[in-house]
PDB file of N, CA and C in Angstrom:
ATOM      1  N   UNK A   1      27.931   5.356 -27.191  1.00  0.00           N
ATOM      2  CA  UNK A   1      26.913   4.400 -27.403  1.00  0.00           C
ATOM      3  C   UNK A   1      26.411   4.408 -28.878  1.00  0.00           C
ATOM      4  N   UNK A   2      26.017   3.152 -29.287  1.00  0.00           N
ATOM      5  CA  UNK A   2      25.522   3.118 -30.794  1.00  0.00           C
ATOM      6  C   UNK A   2      24.436   3.690 -30.981  1.00  0.00           C
ATOM      7  N   UNK A   3      24.147   4.280 -32.192  1.00  0.00           N
ATOM      8  CA  UNK A   3      22.999   5.077 -32.578  1.00  0.00           C
ATOM      9  C   UNK A   3      21.792   4.393 -32.422  1.00  0.00           C
ATOM     10  N   UNK A   4      21.784   3.070 -32.789  1.00  0.00           N
ATOM     11  CA  UNK A   4      20.568   2.315 -32.726  1.00  0.00           C
ATOM     12  C   UNK A   4      19.946   2.216 -31.290  1.00  0.00           C
ATOM     13  N   UNK A   5      20.980   2.071 -30.372  1.00  0.00           N
ATOM     14  CA  UNK A   5      20.695   2.081 -28.856  1.00  0.00           C
ATOM     15  C   UNK A   5      19.987   3.472 -28.526  1.00  0.00           C
ATOM     16  N   UNK A   6      20.637   4.504 -28.901  1.00  0.00           N
ATOM     17  CA  UNK A   6      20.094   5.896 -28.720  1.00  0.00           C
ATOM     18  C   UNK A   6      18.662   5.959 -29.183  1.00  0.00           C
ATOM     19  N   UNK A   7      18.348   5.425 -30.386  1.00  0.00           N
ATOM     20  CA  UNK A   7      17.037   5.349 -30.997  1.00  0.00           C
ATOM     21  C   UNK A   7      16.111   4.587 -30.145  1.00  0.00           C
ATOM     22  N   UNK A   8      16.459   3.413 -29.609  1.00  0.00           N
ATOM     23  CA  UNK A   8      15.657   2.480 -28.967  1.00  0.00           C
ATOM     24  C   UNK A   8      15.218   3.167 -27.547  1.00  0.00           C
ATOM     25  N   UNK A   9      16.229   4.114 -27.066  1.00  0.00           N
ATOM     26  CA  UNK A   9      15.851   4.553 -25.835  1.00  0.00           C
ATOM     27  C   UNK A   9      14.988   5.821 -26.019  1.00  0.00           C
ATOM     28  N   UNK A  10      14.836   6.524 -27.291  1.00  0.00           N
ATOM     29  CA  UNK A  10      13.791   7.324 -27.486  1.00  0.00           C
ATOM     30  C   UNK A  10      12.439   6.738 -27.720  1.00  0.00           C
ATOM     31  N   UNK A  11      12.350   5.529 -28.096  1.00  0.00           N
ATOM     32  CA  UNK A  11      11.211   4.853 -28.163  1.00  0.00           C
ATOM     33  C   UNK A  11      10.576   4.621 -26.771  1.00  0.00           C
ATOM     34  N   UNK A  12      11.506   4.325 -25.752  1.00  0.00           N
ATOM     35  CA  UNK A  12      11.147   3.995 -24.473  1.00  0.00           C
ATOM     36  C   UNK A  12      10.562   5.232 -23.840  1.00  0.00           C
ATOM     37  N   UNK A  13      11.269   6.381 -24.023  1.00  0.00           N
ATOM     38  CA  UNK A  13      10.586   7.738 -23.645  1.00  0.00           C
ATOM     39  C   UNK A  13       9.281   7.928 -24.006  1.00  0.00           C
ATOM     40  N   UNK A  14       9.077   7.731 -25.420  1.00  0.00           N
ATOM     41  CA  UNK A  14       7.617   7.831 -25.829  1.00  0.00           C
ATOM     42  C   UNK A  14       6.641   6.824 -25.038  1.00  0.00           C
ATOM     43  N   UNK A  15       6.981   5.687 -24.988  1.00  0.00           N
ATOM     44  CA  UNK A  15       6.182   4.731 -24.104  1.00  0.00           C
ATOM     45  C   UNK A  15       5.968   5.085 -22.764  1.00  0.00           C
ATOM     46  N   UNK A  16       6.871   5.660 -22.173  1.00  0.00           N
ATOM     47  CA  UNK A  16       6.730   6.197 -20.720  1.00  0.00           C
ATOM     48  C   UNK A  16       5.772   7.140 -20.611  1.00  0.00           C
ATOM     49  N   UNK A  17       5.722   8.159 -21.595  1.00  0.00           N
ATOM     50  CA  UNK A  17       4.777   9.112 -21.432  1.00  0.00           C
ATOM     51  C   UNK A  17       3.348   8.687 -21.767  1.00  0.00           C
ATOM     52  N   UNK A  18       3.248   7.674 -22.741  1.00  0.00           N
ATOM     53  CA  UNK A  18       1.952   6.840 -22.828  1.00  0.00           C
ATOM     54  C   UNK A  18       1.380   6.243 -21.473  1.00  0.00           C
ATOM     55  N   UNK A  19       2.339   5.497 -20.871  1.00  0.00           N
ATOM     56  CA  UNK A  19       2.103   5.024 -19.607  1.00  0.00           C
ATOM     57  C   UNK A  19       1.728   5.957 -18.592  1.00  0.00           C
ATOM     58  N   UNK A  20       2.191   7.002 -18.485  1.00  0.00           N
ATOM     59  CA  UNK A  20       1.864   8.094 -17.428  1.00  0.00           C
ATOM     60  C   UNK A  20       0.538   8.629 -17.834  1.00  0.00           C
ATOM     61  N   UNK A  21       0.166   8.746 -19.052  1.00  0.00           N
ATOM     62  CA  UNK A  21      -1.071   9.251 -19.551  1.00  0.00           C
ATOM     63  C   UNK A  21      -2.164   8.436 -19.206  1.00  0.00           C
ATOM     64  N   UNK A  22      -1.833   7.065 -19.305  1.00  0.00           N
ATOM     65  CA  UNK A  22      -3.009   6.164 -19.123  1.00  0.00           C
ATOM     66  C   UNK A  22      -3.027   5.519 -17.582  1.00  0.00           C
ATOM     67  N   UNK A  23      -2.291   6.033 -16.780  1.00  0.00           N
ATOM     68  CA  UNK A  23      -2.351   5.798 -15.382  1.00  0.00           C
ATOM     69  C   UNK A  23      -3.684   6.161 -14.886  1.00  0.00           C
ATOM     70  N   UNK A  24      -4.257   5.115 -14.047  1.00  0.00           N
ATOM     71  CA  UNK A  24      -5.638   5.446 -13.396  1.00  0.00           C
ATOM     72  C   UNK A  24      -5.434   6.059 -12.090  1.00  0.00           C
ATOM     73  N   UNK A  25      -5.055   7.310 -11.930  1.00  0.00           N
ATOM     74  CA  UNK A  25      -4.928   8.061 -10.806  1.00  0.00           C
ATOM     75  C   UNK A  25      -3.935   7.327  -9.722  1.00  0.00           C
ATOM     76  N   UNK A  26      -2.970   6.640 -10.171  1.00  0.00           N
ATOM     77  CA  UNK A  26      -2.039   6.135  -9.242  1.00  0.00           C
ATOM     78  C   UNK A  26      -0.682   7.016  -9.232  1.00  0.00           C
ATOM     79  N   UNK A  27      -0.775   7.960  -8.215  1.00  0.00           N
ATOM     80  CA  UNK A  27       0.255   8.841  -8.313  1.00  0.00           C
ATOM     81  C   UNK A  27       1.557   8.275  -7.880  1.00  0.00           C
ATOM     82  N   UNK A  28       1.596   7.015  -7.052  1.00  0.00           N
ATOM     83  CA  UNK A  28       2.887   6.296  -6.819  1.00  0.00           C
ATOM     84  C   UNK A  28       3.576   5.862  -8.087  1.00  0.00           C
ATOM     85  N   UNK A  29       2.601   5.336  -8.851  1.00  0.00           N
ATOM     86  CA  UNK A  29       2.951   4.717 -10.242  1.00  0.00           C
ATOM     87  C   UNK A  29       3.499   5.912 -11.185  1.00  0.00           C
ATOM     88  N   UNK A  30       2.774   6.888 -11.244  1.00  0.00           N
ATOM     89  CA  UNK A  30       3.179   8.030 -12.148  1.00  0.00           C
ATOM     90  C   UNK A  30       4.639   8.621 -11.616  1.00  0.00           C
ATOM     91  N   UNK A  31       4.730   8.815 -10.373  1.00  0.00           N
ATOM     92  CA  UNK A  31       5.999   9.286  -9.889  1.00  0.00           C
ATOM     93  C   UNK A  31       7.151   8.381 -10.179  1.00  0.00           C
ATOM     94  N   UNK A  32       7.076   7.158 -10.016  1.00  0.00           N
ATOM     95  CA  UNK A  32       8.151   6.142 -10.201  1.00  0.00           C
ATOM     96  C   UNK A  32       8.565   6.079 -11.708  1.00  0.00           C
ATOM     97  N   UNK A  33       7.486   6.232 -12.656  1.00  0.00           N
ATOM     98  CA  UNK A  33       7.824   6.132 -13.915  1.00  0.00           C
ATOM     99  C   UNK A  33       8.473   7.374 -14.429  1.00  0.00           C
ATOM    100  N   UNK A  34       8.081   8.443 -13.987  1.00  0.00           N
ATOM    101  CA  UNK A  34       8.621   9.704 -14.338  1.00  0.00           C
ATOM    102  C   UNK A  34      10.040   9.968 -13.717  1.00  0.00           C
ATOM    103  N   UNK A  35      10.258   9.376 -12.512  1.00  0.00           N
ATOM    104  CA  UNK A  35      11.520   9.339 -11.954  1.00  0.00           C
ATOM    105  C   UNK A  35      12.569   8.529 -12.693  1.00  0.00           C
ATOM    106  N   UNK A  36      12.089   7.435 -13.175  1.00  0.00           N
ATOM    107  CA  UNK A  36      12.993   6.551 -14.004  1.00  0.00           C
ATOM    108  C   UNK A  36      13.277   7.157 -15.298  1.00  0.00           C
ATOM    109  N   UNK A  37      12.413   7.918 -15.800  1.00  0.00           N
ATOM    110  CA  UNK A  37      12.794   8.355 -17.162  1.00  0.00           C
ATOM    111  C   UNK A  37      13.228   9.728 -17.324  1.00  0.00           C
ATOM    112  N   UNK A  38      13.117  10.516 -16.195  1.00  0.00           N
ATOM    113  CA  UNK A  38      13.758  11.811 -16.392  1.00  0.00           C
ATOM    114  C   UNK A  38      15.252  11.782 -16.535  1.00  0.00           C
ATOM    115  N   UNK A  39      15.837  10.828 -16.028  1.00  0.00           N
ATOM    116  CA  UNK A  39      17.455  10.700 -16.197  1.00  0.00           C
ATOM    117  C   UNK A  39      17.716  10.401 -17.692  1.00  0.00           C
ATOM    118  N   UNK A  40      16.672   9.612 -18.221  1.00  0.00           N
ATOM    119  CA  UNK A  40      17.055   9.310 -19.489  1.00  0.00           C
ATOM    120  C   UNK A  40      16.645  10.350 -20.556  1.00  0.00           C
ATOM    121  N   UNK A  41      15.733  11.282 -20.339  1.00  0.00           N
ATOM    122  CA  UNK A  41      15.656  12.278 -21.222  1.00  0.00           C
ATOM    123  C   UNK A  41      16.767  13.368 -21.106  1.00  0.00           C
ATOM    124  N   UNK A  42      17.163  13.577 -19.898  1.00  0.00           N
ATOM    125  CA  UNK A  42      18.554  14.285 -19.612  1.00  0.00           C
ATOM    126  C   UNK A  42      19.653  13.837 -20.489  1.00  0.00           C
ATOM    127  N   UNK A  43      19.884  12.382 -20.385  1.00  0.00           N
ATOM    128  CA  UNK A  43      20.879  11.701 -21.274  1.00  0.00           C
ATOM    129  C   UNK A  43      20.800  12.003 -22.726  1.00  0.00           C
ATOM    130  N   UNK A  44      19.387  11.984 -23.227  1.00  0.00           N
ATOM    131  CA  UNK A  44      19.206  12.262 -24.552  1.00  0.00           C
ATOM    132  C   UNK A  44      19.699  13.518 -25.111  1.00  0.00           C
ATOM    133  N   UNK A  45      19.368  14.618 -24.196  1.00  0.00           N
ATOM    134  CA  UNK A  45      19.907  15.895 -24.490  1.00  0.00           C
ATOM    135  C   UNK A  45      21.395  16.078 -24.618  1.00  0.00           C
ATOM    136  N   UNK A  46      22.073  15.330 -23.704  1.00  0.00           N
ATOM    137  CA  UNK A  46      23.451  15.349 -23.507  1.00  0.00           C
ATOM    138  C   UNK A  46      24.026  14.273 -24.419  1.00  0.00           C
ATOM    139  N   UNK A  47      23.468  13.621 -25.312  1.00  0.00           N
ATOM    140  CA  UNK A  47      23.855  12.638 -26.128  1.00  0.00           C
ATOM    141  C   UNK A  47      24.595  11.521 -25.408  1.00  0.00           C
ATOM    142  N   UNK A  48      24.056  11.219 -24.274  1.00  0.00           N
ATOM    143  CA  UNK A  48      24.360   9.986 -23.376  1.00  0.00           C
ATOM    144  C   UNK A  48      25.841  10.190 -22.803  1.00  0.00           C
ATOM    145  N   UNK A  49      26.409  11.286 -22.735  1.00  0.00           N
ATOM    146  CA  UNK A  49      27.700  11.412 -22.026  1.00  0.00           C
ATOM    147  C   UNK A  49      27.612  11.011 -20.668  1.00  0.00           C
ATOM    148  N   UNK A  50      28.454  10.026 -20.089  1.00  0.00           N
ATOM    149  CA  UNK A  50      28.370   9.646 -18.811  1.00  0.00           C
ATOM    150  C   UNK A  50      27.073   8.973 -18.334  1.00  0.00           C
ATOM    151  N   UNK A  51      26.247   8.620 -19.315  1.00  0.00           N
ATOM    152  CA  UNK A  51      24.993   7.817 -18.841  1.00  0.00           C
ATOM    153  C   UNK A  51      25.165   6.400 -18.201  1.00  0.00           C
ATOM    154  N   UNK A  52      24.539   6.157 -17.227  1.00  0.00           N
ATOM    155  CA  UNK A  52      24.545   4.972 -16.521  1.00  0.00           C
ATOM    156  C   UNK A  52      23.384   3.947 -16.947  1.00  0.00           C
ATOM    157  N   UNK A  53      23.553   3.114 -17.914  1.00  0.00           N
ATOM    158  CA  UNK A  53      22.652   2.356 -18.305  1.00  0.00           C
ATOM    159  C   UNK A  53      22.168   1.284 -17.364  1.00  0.00           C
ATOM    160  N   UNK A  54      23.192   0.795 -16.538  1.00  0.00           N
ATOM    161  CA  UNK A  54      22.855  -0.419 -15.519  1.00  0.00           C
ATOM    162  C   UNK A  54      21.960   0.212 -14.591  1.00  0.00           C
ATOM    163  N   UNK A  55      22.104   1.573 -14.128  1.00  0.00           N
ATOM    164  CA  UNK A  55      21.214   2.125 -13.152  1.00  0.00           C
ATOM    165  C   UNK A  55      19.805   2.266 -13.831  1.00  0.00           C
ATOM    166  N   UNK A  56      19.706   2.715 -15.036  1.00  0.00           N
ATOM    167  CA  UNK A  56      18.351   2.860 -15.673  1.00  0.00           C
ATOM    168  C   UNK A  56      17.613   1.400 -15.724  1.00  0.00           C
ATOM    169  N   UNK A  57      18.296   0.411 -16.041  1.00  0.00           N
ATOM    170  CA  UNK A  57      17.735  -0.984 -16.160  1.00  0.00           C
ATOM    171  C   UNK A  57      17.364  -1.503 -14.777  1.00  0.00           C
ATOM    172  N   UNK A  58      18.008  -1.047 -13.647  1.00  0.00           N
ATOM    173  CA  UNK A  58      17.668  -1.453 -12.323  1.00  0.00           C
ATOM    174  C   UNK A  58      16.494  -0.729 -11.953  1.00  0.00           C
ATOM    175  N   UNK A  59      16.364   0.590 -12.407  1.00  0.00           N
ATOM    176  CA  UNK A  59      15.060   1.208 -12.317  1.00  0.00           C
ATOM    177  C   UNK A  59      13.837   0.565 -13.028  1.00  0.00           C
ATOM    178  N   UNK A  60      14.066   0.161 -14.170  1.00  0.00           N
ATOM    179  CA  UNK A  60      13.173  -0.572 -14.944  1.00  0.00           C
ATOM    180  C   UNK A  60      12.692  -1.873 -14.181  1.00  0.00           C
ATOM    181  N   UNK A  61      13.587  -2.636 -13.647  1.00  0.00           N
ATOM    182  CA  UNK A  61      13.348  -3.881 -12.929  1.00  0.00           C
ATOM    183  C   UNK A  61      12.421  -3.480 -11.775  1.00  0.00           C
ATOM    184  N   UNK A  62      12.517  -2.454 -10.959  1.00  0.00           N
ATOM    185  CA  UNK A  62      11.783  -1.941  -9.992  1.00  0.00           C
ATOM    186  C   UNK A  62      10.403  -1.757 -10.462  1.00  0.00           C
ATOM    187  N   UNK A  63      10.308  -1.131 -11.560  1.00  0.00           N
ATOM    188  CA  UNK A  63       8.908  -0.857 -12.197  1.00  0.00           C
ATOM    189  C   UNK A  63       8.210  -2.156 -12.592  1.00  0.00           C
ATOM    190  N   UNK A  64       8.989  -3.025 -12.991  1.00  0.00           N
ATOM    191  CA  UNK A  64       8.385  -4.450 -13.321  1.00  0.00           C
ATOM    192  C   UNK A  64       7.795  -5.154 -12.126  1.00  0.00           C
ATOM    193  N   UNK A  65       8.758  -5.159 -11.008  1.00  0.00           N
ATOM    194  CA  UNK A  65       8.191  -5.781  -9.732  1.00  0.00           C
ATOM    195  C   UNK A  65       7.131  -5.003  -9.073  1.00  0.00           C
ATOM    196  N   UNK A  66       7.265  -3.632  -8.859  1.00  0.00           N
ATOM    197  CA  UNK A  66       6.378  -2.975  -8.066  1.00  0.00           C
ATOM    198  C   UNK A  66       4.870  -2.774  -8.889  1.00  0.00           C
ATOM    199  N   UNK A  67       4.906  -2.549 -10.240  1.00  0.00           N
ATOM    200  CA  UNK A  67       3.731  -2.113 -10.886  1.00  0.00           C
ATOM    201  C   UNK A  67       3.468  -3.111 -11.929  1.00  0.00           C
ATOM    202  N   UNK A  68       4.242  -4.167 -12.201  1.00  0.00           N
ATOM    203  CA  UNK A  68       3.875  -4.973 -13.476  1.00  0.00           C
ATOM    204  C   UNK A  68       4.209  -4.312 -14.711  1.00  0.00           C
ATOM    205  N   UNK A  69       4.911  -3.388 -14.772  1.00  0.00           N
ATOM    206  CA  UNK A  69       5.340  -2.807 -16.229  1.00  0.00           C
ATOM    207  C   UNK A  69       6.419  -3.481 -16.704  1.00  0.00           C
ATOM    208  N   UNK A  70       6.034  -4.766 -17.469  1.00  0.00           N
ATOM    209  CA  UNK A  70       6.999  -5.622 -18.005  1.00  0.00           C
ATOM    210  C   UNK A  70       7.438  -5.347 -19.419  1.00  0.00           C
ATOM    211  N   UNK A  71       6.877  -4.450 -20.097  1.00  0.00           N
ATOM    212  CA  UNK A  71       6.843  -4.167 -21.560  1.00  0.00           C
ATOM    213  C   UNK A  71       8.266  -3.494 -21.878  1.00  0.00           C
ATOM    214  N   UNK A  72       8.801  -2.671 -21.057  1.00  0.00           N
ATOM    215  CA  UNK A  72       9.871  -1.669 -21.438  1.00  0.00           C
ATOM    216  C   UNK A  72      11.021  -2.503 -22.071  1.00  0.00           C
ATOM    217  N   UNK A  73      11.437  -3.606 -21.260  1.00  0.00           N
ATOM    218  CA  UNK A  73      12.694  -4.415 -21.910  1.00  0.00           C
ATOM    219  C   UNK A  73      12.422  -5.014 -23.380  1.00  0.00           C
ATOM    220  N   UNK A  74      11.255  -5.442 -23.630  1.00  0.00           N
ATOM    221  CA  UNK A  74      10.854  -5.936 -24.746  1.00  0.00           C
ATOM    222  C   UNK A  74      10.651  -4.953 -25.938  1.00  0.00           C
ATOM    223  N   UNK A  75      10.201  -3.730 -25.550  1.00  0.00           N
ATOM    224  CA  UNK A  75      10.078  -2.764 -26.325  1.00  0.00           C
ATOM    225  C   UNK A  75      11.289  -2.187 -27.022  1.00  0.00           C
ATOM    226  N   UNK A  76      12.382  -2.075 -25.990  1.00  0.00           N
ATOM    227  CA  UNK A  76      13.742  -1.740 -26.114  1.00  0.00           C
ATOM    228  C   UNK A  76      14.505  -2.850 -27.216  1.00  0.00           C
ATOM    229  N   UNK A  77      14.331  -4.159 -26.762  1.00  0.00           N
ATOM    230  CA  UNK A  77      14.911  -5.060 -27.590  1.00  0.00           C
ATOM    231  C   UNK A  77      14.236  -5.155 -29.105  1.00  0.00           C
ATOM    232  N   UNK A  78      12.999  -5.155 -29.128  1.00  0.00           N
ATOM    233  CA  UNK A  78      12.422  -4.997 -30.374  1.00  0.00           C
ATOM    234  C   UNK A  78      12.833  -3.756 -31.341  1.00  0.00           C
ATOM    235  N   UNK A  79      13.108  -2.669 -30.587  1.00  0.00           N
ATOM    236  CA  UNK A  79      13.590  -1.422 -31.343  1.00  0.00           C
ATOM    237  C   UNK A  79      14.984  -1.604 -32.012  1.00  0.00           C
ATOM    238  N   UNK A  80      15.868  -2.231 -30.922  1.00  0.00           N
ATOM    239  CA  UNK A  80      17.236  -2.379 -31.555  1.00  0.00           C
ATOM    240  C   UNK A  80      17.192  -3.307 -32.557  1.00  0.00           C
ATOM    241  N   UNK A  81      16.394  -4.510 -32.547  1.00  0.00           N
ATOM    242  CA  UNK A  81      16.313  -5.472 -33.620  1.00  0.00           C
ATOM    243  C   UNK A  81      15.799  -4.851 -35.056  1.00  0.00           C
ATOM    244  N   UNK A  82      14.789  -4.042 -34.828  1.00  0.00           N
ATOM    245  CA  UNK A  82      14.378  -3.539 -36.007  1.00  0.00           C
ATOM    246  C   UNK A  82      15.150  -2.306 -36.708  1.00  0.00           C
ATOM    247  N   UNK A  83      16.082  -1.995 -35.857  1.00  0.00           N
ATOM    248  CA  UNK A  83      16.991  -0.749 -36.305  1.00  0.00           C
ATOM    249  C   UNK A  83      16.083   0.332 -36.771  1.00  0.00           C
ATOM    250  N   UNK A  84      15.267   1.053 -35.919  1.00  0.00           N
ATOM    251  CA  UNK A  84      14.323   1.946 -36.298  1.00  0.00           C
ATOM    252  C   UNK A  84      14.878   3.166 -37.099  1.00  0.00           C
TER     253      UNK A  84
END
């Protein structure tokens, strides 16, 4: 995986923690955000060996549909464009 994509995923992890922090007592939303991102944090530790990006983005689509969390894809794309 390209290093810029790895950096962009790190930005997403940070955003997910902010989203969890700002949830208004929605245990279901907190659970699904944490569930989506815990695999990503594991991949960061393992330098993305065997990481399934398609599955991650499928889970992101679920967060969009279920909770209206539509910002993750644009944050990722912006981070890749900026080459953080």
